[in-house]
Amino acid sequence: MIVSPRRTTTTGFTLVEIVVTVLIMGLMLTGITRLLTAVRTSRDLVHNIQEQQLAGPAILDLLERDLRGVFITSMPLKSHLRVMDNVRAGLDADRIDFVATTDSLIWFGGDDRQVRSDICEVGYCLRTNPDDSDFLEMYRREGFGVDEDPFEGGSYVLVHDHITGFNVEVYSEDGPDADPLEEWGMNSTDIDTIGLPASLRISLEIELQPRLLRETQGHMRQKQKFLYTRVIRLPESLRLAQKDIPRYAIPSAQSEAAAGEEGSEEGDMEVGGAGGSGGRGAGGRGGGARTAPDGKVIDGTSAVNSDRVGGGN
């Protein structure tokens, strides 16, 4: 009997099956990649739109809030507001400093206690971006309380790092014919350019920074700059009353003596009318001896003569 050898069979995937599987997996990965790319592009586009619509107005809102709370009580006119015309790397980089009643955003103090001030020195200044000289960095200066030089010192907080222009124009009066001034409060002897102006025109230019340039270049083929402008008018009542605001000061000995002399003269006129031992004279207030502001004793005759000279017909 002839016995044929046992045939061994092997199982596996054929070439066609493998090709079909790889093709299906490739289609799936391609679809997932496109979906992720679309999600990231949408996220970056929303980020750029938010920066465009919120960054500039948010900075101007912060600046306007500080200007609305300007503090001038017991301060000389030269310390009310200062605007400097500066240029950095060929870009407008003006500076503005004043004292505001807005609560400070920075906490001051030691490790055991942190406090904030209700009145603080505030300023906005710019410098060249150290990472990219085509842009400017804006900083908000804040000093705790008020010292002798309210336009210097304090702590600085970064506001934005892609500024391409910051210009402040000052108007000393209202009206369509008013000319803008580039600087304010720089010359303390010029009474027309110190104190509080009528209004300020602030222009802020920001370049939109794409979050992912390669994926958003289909929507933004070039960098875009946006200019924001706001006019801030200071209260007229505050401007008119700034010269009549009471100044806190300790009276000197000379001022007290002058006030005492005026009070003595007024009192003498009233007391003399009561009449003394000398009785009433023609056109006189009264007799009797009294003491003059310089310490001398005036008798009734002298008083009558002085009254005639000062108030006679």
Protein backbone atom coordinates (compact mmCIF):
# COMPACT_ATOMS: atom_id res chain seq x y z
CA MET A 1 0.00 0.00 0.00
CA ILE A 2 1.35 3.30 -1.03
CA VAL A 3 0.97 6.07 1.55
CA SER A 4 1.12 9.63 0.23
CA PRO A 5 2.91 12.18 2.37
CA ARG A 6 0.74 14.51 4.51
CA ARG A 7 0.36 17.91 2.95
CA THR A 8 0.77 20.79 5.38
CA THR A 9 -1.23 23.95 4.63
CA THR A 10 -0.30 27.46 5.94
CA THR A 11 -2.89 30.21 6.57
CA GLY A 12 -2.33 34.02 6.19
CA PHE A 13 -3.35 37.23 4.46
CA THR A 14 -3.01 37.56 0.82
CA LEU A 15 -1.36 40.52 -0.86
CA VAL A 16 -4.69 41.90 -1.94
CA GLU A 17 -6.03 41.87 1.62
CA ILE A 18 -2.98 43.69 2.92
CA VAL A 19 -3.23 46.36 0.25
CA VAL A 20 -6.90 46.92 0.97
CA THR A 21 -6.24 47.20 4.72
CA VAL A 22 -3.43 49.70 4.26
CA LEU A 23 -5.64 51.72 1.94
CA ILE A 24 -8.46 51.87 4.47
CA MET A 25 -6.11 52.85 7.30
CA GLY A 26 -4.59 55.57 5.14
CA LEU A 27 -8.00 57.01 4.39
CA MET A 28 -8.89 57.00 8.07
CA LEU A 29 -5.63 58.74 9.09
CA THR A 30 -6.07 61.30 6.34
CA GLY A 31 -9.58 62.11 7.54
CA ILE A 32 -8.44 62.42 11.17
CA THR A 33 -5.54 64.68 10.17
CA ARG A 34 -7.81 66.95 8.18
CA LEU A 35 -10.26 67.11 11.07
CA LEU A 36 -7.53 68.06 13.56
CA THR A 37 -6.14 70.66 11.16
CA ALA A 38 -9.58 72.21 10.73
CA VAL A 39 -10.07 72.32 14.51
CA ARG A 40 -6.69 73.96 15.12
CA THR A 41 -7.25 76.45 12.30
CA SER A 42 -10.62 77.41 13.72
CA ARG A 43 -9.12 77.79 17.18
CA ASP A 44 -6.35 80.05 15.87
CA LEU A 45 -8.78 82.10 13.82
CA VAL A 46 -10.98 82.67 16.88
CA HIS A 47 -7.89 83.63 18.89
CA ASN A 48 -6.84 86.17 16.28
CA ILE A 49 -10.32 87.67 16.05
CA GLN A 50 -10.49 87.98 19.83
CA GLU A 51 -7.11 89.68 19.92
CA GLN A 52 -8.21 92.03 17.19
CA GLN A 53 -11.49 92.94 18.86
CA LEU A 54 -10.47 92.82 22.51
CA ALA A 55 -6.78 93.70 22.90
CA GLY A 56 -6.94 97.29 21.67
CA PRO A 57 -10.25 98.25 23.32
CA ALA A 58 -9.19 96.58 26.58
CA ILE A 59 -6.03 98.71 26.74
CA LEU A 60 -7.95 101.90 26.00
CA ASP A 61 -10.61 100.97 28.58
CA LEU A 62 -7.91 100.59 31.22
CA LEU A 63 -6.34 103.92 30.30
CA GLU A 64 -9.69 105.71 30.25
CA ARG A 65 -10.64 104.29 33.64
CA ASP A 66 -7.45 105.70 35.11
CA LEU A 67 -7.94 109.11 33.48
CA ARG A 68 -11.53 109.33 34.70
CA GLY A 69 -10.22 108.99 38.24
CA VAL A 70 -7.51 111.66 38.00
CA PHE A 71 -6.61 113.12 41.40
CA ILE A 72 -5.56 116.79 41.77
CA THR A 73 -6.47 117.76 45.35
CA SER A 74 -3.66 119.54 47.23
CA MET A 75 -1.34 119.18 44.25
CA PRO A 76 0.31 121.97 42.22
CA LEU A 77 -0.80 122.48 38.63
CA LYS A 78 2.45 121.15 37.24
CA SER A 79 1.79 117.76 38.91
CA HIS A 80 -1.71 117.18 37.53
CA LEU A 81 -0.84 115.62 34.17
CA ARG A 82 2.22 115.15 31.98
CA VAL A 83 2.38 114.03 28.35
CA MET A 84 5.75 113.44 26.66
CA ASP A 85 6.24 113.13 22.91
CA ASN A 86 8.63 110.22 22.30
CA VAL A 87 9.77 108.15 19.31
CA ARG A 88 11.22 104.64 19.63
CA ALA A 89 12.68 102.80 16.64
CA GLY A 90 10.86 105.16 14.31
CA LEU A 91 7.49 104.51 15.97
CA ASP A 92 5.32 106.84 18.07
CA ALA A 93 5.90 106.00 21.71
CA ASP A 94 4.36 108.82 23.76
CA ARG A 95 4.23 108.71 27.54
CA ILE A 96 1.49 109.90 29.90
CA ASP A 97 1.69 110.21 33.70
CA PHE A 98 -0.77 111.38 36.36
CA VAL A 99 -2.23 110.51 39.78
CA ALA A 100 -5.44 108.47 39.88
CA THR A 101 -7.96 107.48 42.53
CA THR A 102 -8.48 104.02 41.03
CA ASP A 103 -7.48 101.12 43.23
CA SER A 104 -3.96 99.94 42.52
CA LEU A 105 -3.63 96.71 40.57
CA ILE A 106 -0.33 95.80 42.23
CA TRP A 107 -0.07 94.59 45.80
CA PHE A 108 2.61 96.30 47.90
CA GLY A 109 4.22 95.32 51.17
CA GLY A 110 6.24 92.50 52.66
CA ASP A 111 5.67 88.79 52.99
CA ASP A 112 3.59 89.18 56.14
CA ARG A 113 1.21 91.83 54.79
CA GLN A 114 0.09 92.92 51.33
CA VAL A 115 -1.90 96.12 50.80
CA ARG A 116 -3.26 98.19 47.93
CA SER A 117 -3.58 101.95 47.67
CA ASP A 118 -6.74 103.94 46.90
CA ILE A 119 -4.62 106.75 45.39
CA CYS A 120 -1.62 105.86 43.29
CA GLU A 121 0.70 107.23 40.64
CA VAL A 122 -0.14 105.91 37.18
CA GLY A 123 1.71 106.10 33.89
CA TYR A 124 1.85 104.45 30.48
CA CYS A 125 5.17 104.21 28.66
CA LEU A 126 6.73 102.15 25.87
CA ARG A 127 10.07 100.67 24.95
CA THR A 128 11.46 98.69 22.02
CA ASN A 129 10.64 94.99 22.11
CA PRO A 130 13.93 93.22 22.91
CA ASP A 131 12.86 90.12 20.95
CA ASP A 132 11.66 91.98 17.85
CA SER A 133 12.74 95.55 17.15
CA ASP A 134 9.78 96.06 14.80
CA PHE A 135 7.43 96.27 17.78
CA LEU A 136 7.09 98.18 21.02
CA GLU A 137 6.22 96.97 24.49
CA MET A 138 3.70 98.95 26.54
CA TYR A 139 4.03 99.05 30.31
CA ARG A 140 1.71 100.43 32.96
CA ARG A 141 3.55 102.20 35.77
CA GLU A 142 2.04 102.22 39.23
CA GLY A 143 3.40 103.77 42.41
CA PHE A 144 2.00 103.27 45.89
CA GLY A 145 0.53 106.54 47.17
CA VAL A 146 1.83 109.95 46.08
CA ASP A 147 5.32 111.32 46.70
CA GLU A 148 7.09 114.55 45.79
CA ASP A 149 7.69 113.40 42.20
CA PRO A 150 4.47 111.71 41.00
CA PHE A 151 5.83 111.12 37.49
CA GLU A 152 8.74 108.86 38.37
CA GLY A 153 9.34 105.59 40.21
CA GLY A 154 6.92 102.77 40.89
CA SER A 155 6.49 99.27 39.47
CA TYR A 156 5.97 98.37 35.81
CA VAL A 157 3.59 95.74 34.41
CA LEU A 158 3.62 94.58 30.78
CA VAL A 159 0.37 95.42 28.95
CA HIS A 160 1.11 94.37 25.33
CA ASP A 161 4.22 93.48 23.33
CA HIS A 162 3.09 94.07 19.71
CA ILE A 163 2.47 97.83 19.71
CA THR A 164 3.34 99.69 16.50
CA GLY A 165 2.28 103.16 17.62
CA PHE A 166 0.97 105.07 20.65
CA ASN A 167 0.18 108.76 20.17
CA VAL A 168 -1.42 111.17 22.66
CA GLU A 169 -2.75 114.54 21.49
CA VAL A 170 -3.82 117.13 24.06
CA TYR A 171 -6.46 119.80 23.51
CA SER A 172 -6.40 122.79 25.84
CA GLU A 173 -9.87 123.94 24.75
CA ASP A 174 -13.01 122.63 23.12
CA GLY A 175 -14.17 123.41 19.62
CA PRO A 176 -13.44 122.43 16.02
CA ASP A 177 -10.68 125.04 15.70
CA ALA A 178 -8.66 123.78 18.66
CA ASP A 179 -5.12 122.76 17.76
CA PRO A 180 -3.66 119.57 19.27
CA LEU A 181 -0.56 119.75 21.43
CA GLU A 182 2.06 117.02 21.38
CA GLU A 183 3.28 117.69 24.93
CA TRP A 184 1.65 118.83 28.15
CA GLY A 185 2.99 119.75 31.56
CA MET A 186 6.62 119.81 30.45
CA ASN A 187 7.16 123.52 31.15
CA SER A 188 6.02 124.50 34.62
CA THR A 189 6.28 128.22 33.81
CA ASP A 190 3.80 128.04 30.93
CA ILE A 191 0.43 128.43 32.60
CA ASP A 192 -1.39 127.46 29.39
CA THR A 193 0.11 123.96 29.23
CA ILE A 194 -0.14 122.81 32.86
CA GLY A 195 -3.01 121.54 34.93
CA LEU A 196 -5.81 119.59 33.27
CA PRO A 197 -6.56 119.95 29.55
CA ALA A 198 -10.01 119.94 27.98
CA SER A 199 -9.63 116.54 26.29
CA LEU A 200 -7.13 113.97 25.03
CA ARG A 201 -7.12 112.05 21.77
CA ILE A 202 -5.35 108.69 22.15
CA SER A 203 -4.37 106.57 19.14
CA LEU A 204 -3.18 102.99 19.62
CA GLU A 205 -1.92 100.83 16.75
CA ILE A 206 -1.47 97.09 17.23
CA GLU A 207 -0.26 94.48 14.77
CA LEU A 208 -2.29 91.30 14.88
CA GLN A 209 -0.07 88.40 15.84
CA PRO A 210 -1.20 85.09 14.28
CA ARG A 211 -1.05 82.21 16.70
CA LEU A 212 0.09 79.71 14.06
CA LEU A 213 1.16 81.49 10.91
CA ARG A 214 1.49 78.36 8.72
CA GLU A 215 -2.02 77.16 9.46
CA THR A 216 -3.68 80.57 9.37
CA GLN A 217 -1.98 82.00 6.33
CA GLY A 218 -4.95 80.88 4.23
CA HIS A 219 -7.11 83.31 6.23
CA MET A 220 -4.39 85.91 6.83
CA ARG A 221 -2.00 86.17 3.93
CA GLN A 222 -0.22 89.15 5.47
CA LYS A 223 0.16 90.73 8.86
CA GLN A 224 -2.56 93.24 9.63
CA LYS A 225 -2.36 96.42 11.69
CA PHE A 226 -5.36 97.83 13.51
CA LEU A 227 -5.66 101.42 14.69
CA TYR A 228 -7.86 102.26 17.68
CA THR A 229 -8.68 105.87 18.53
CA ARG A 230 -10.50 107.25 21.54
CA VAL A 231 -11.25 110.79 22.70
CA ILE A 232 -11.38 111.26 26.47
CA ARG A 233 -12.88 114.51 27.70
CA LEU A 234 -12.15 115.49 31.27
CA PRO A 235 -15.00 116.94 33.38
CA GLU A 236 -15.34 120.68 32.88
CA SER A 237 -16.23 121.22 36.53
CA LEU A 238 -12.95 119.65 37.57
CA ARG A 239 -10.98 121.80 35.16
CA LEU A 240 -12.68 125.03 36.24
CA ALA A 241 -12.34 124.28 39.94
CA GLN A 242 -8.73 123.09 39.85
CA LYS A 243 -7.46 126.55 40.77
CA ASP A 244 -9.91 126.88 43.69
CA ILE A 245 -9.37 123.44 45.20
CA PRO A 246 -8.33 123.79 48.87
CA ARG A 247 -4.70 123.02 49.52
CA TYR A 248 -3.76 121.18 52.68
CA ALA A 249 -1.06 123.16 54.48
CA ILE A 250 0.12 124.08 57.97
CA PRO A 251 -0.37 127.83 58.62
CA SER A 252 2.81 129.75 59.38
CA ALA A 253 3.30 132.10 62.33
CA GLN A 254 3.19 135.12 60.04
CA SER A 255 -0.18 134.13 58.55
CA GLU A 256 -1.62 133.57 62.02
CA ALA A 257 -0.44 137.03 63.11
CA ALA A 258 -2.00 138.64 60.03
CA ALA A 259 -5.27 136.83 60.69
CA GLY A 260 -5.17 138.01 64.29
CA GLU A 261 -4.67 141.62 63.23
CA GLU A 262 -7.67 141.48 60.91
CA GLY A 263 -9.79 139.97 63.67
CA SER A 264 -8.66 142.63 66.12
CA GLU A 265 -9.55 145.45 63.75
CA GLU A 266 -13.02 144.07 63.12
CA GLY A 267 -13.57 143.50 66.83
CA ASP A 268 -12.42 147.02 67.68
CA MET A 269 -14.94 148.55 65.31
CA GLU A 270 -17.77 146.59 66.88
CA VAL A 271 -16.65 147.03 70.47
CA GLY A 272 -16.20 150.76 70.04
CA GLY A 273 -19.87 151.13 69.11
CA ALA A 274 -20.88 150.02 72.59
CA GLY A 275 -19.81 153.33 73.97
CA GLY A 276 -17.47 153.98 76.83
CA SER A 277 -16.73 156.66 79.32
CA GLY A 278 -16.26 159.18 76.52
CA GLY A 279 -19.86 158.84 75.23
CA ARG A 280 -20.77 159.38 71.56
CA GLY A 281 -19.10 162.09 69.59
CA ALA A 282 -20.10 163.72 66.31
CA GLY A 283 -19.72 161.00 63.73
CA GLY A 284 -17.86 158.83 66.22
CA ARG A 285 -18.48 155.25 67.27
CA GLY A 286 -17.82 155.58 70.96
CA GLY A 287 -15.33 156.60 73.51
CA GLY A 288 -13.25 154.85 76.04
CA ALA A 289 -9.75 153.52 75.86
CA ARG A 290 -8.96 150.47 73.71
CA THR A 291 -5.92 148.63 72.43
CA ALA A 292 -4.84 148.88 68.79
CA PRO A 293 -3.43 145.88 66.83
CA ASP A 294 0.10 147.22 67.29
CA GLY A 295 -0.28 147.19 71.07
CA LYS A 296 -0.76 150.93 71.60
CA VAL A 297 -3.57 152.29 73.78
CA ILE A 298 -6.00 154.59 71.94
CA ASP A 299 -8.12 157.00 73.96
CA GLY A 300 -11.63 158.11 73.07
CA THR A 301 -10.54 161.26 71.20
CA SER A 302 -8.17 159.33 68.97
CA ALA A 303 -10.83 156.76 68.23
CA VAL A 304 -13.30 159.44 67.24
CA ASN A 305 -10.83 161.09 64.93
CA SER A 306 -9.85 157.81 63.28
CA ASP A 307 -13.49 156.89 62.72
CA ARG A 308 -14.14 160.26 61.14
CA VAL A 309 -11.23 159.85 58.78
CA GLY A 310 -12.23 156.33 57.77
CA GLY A 311 -16.04 156.67 57.52
CA GLY A 312 -16.94 160.37 57.61
CA ASN A 313 -19.27 161.98 55.14
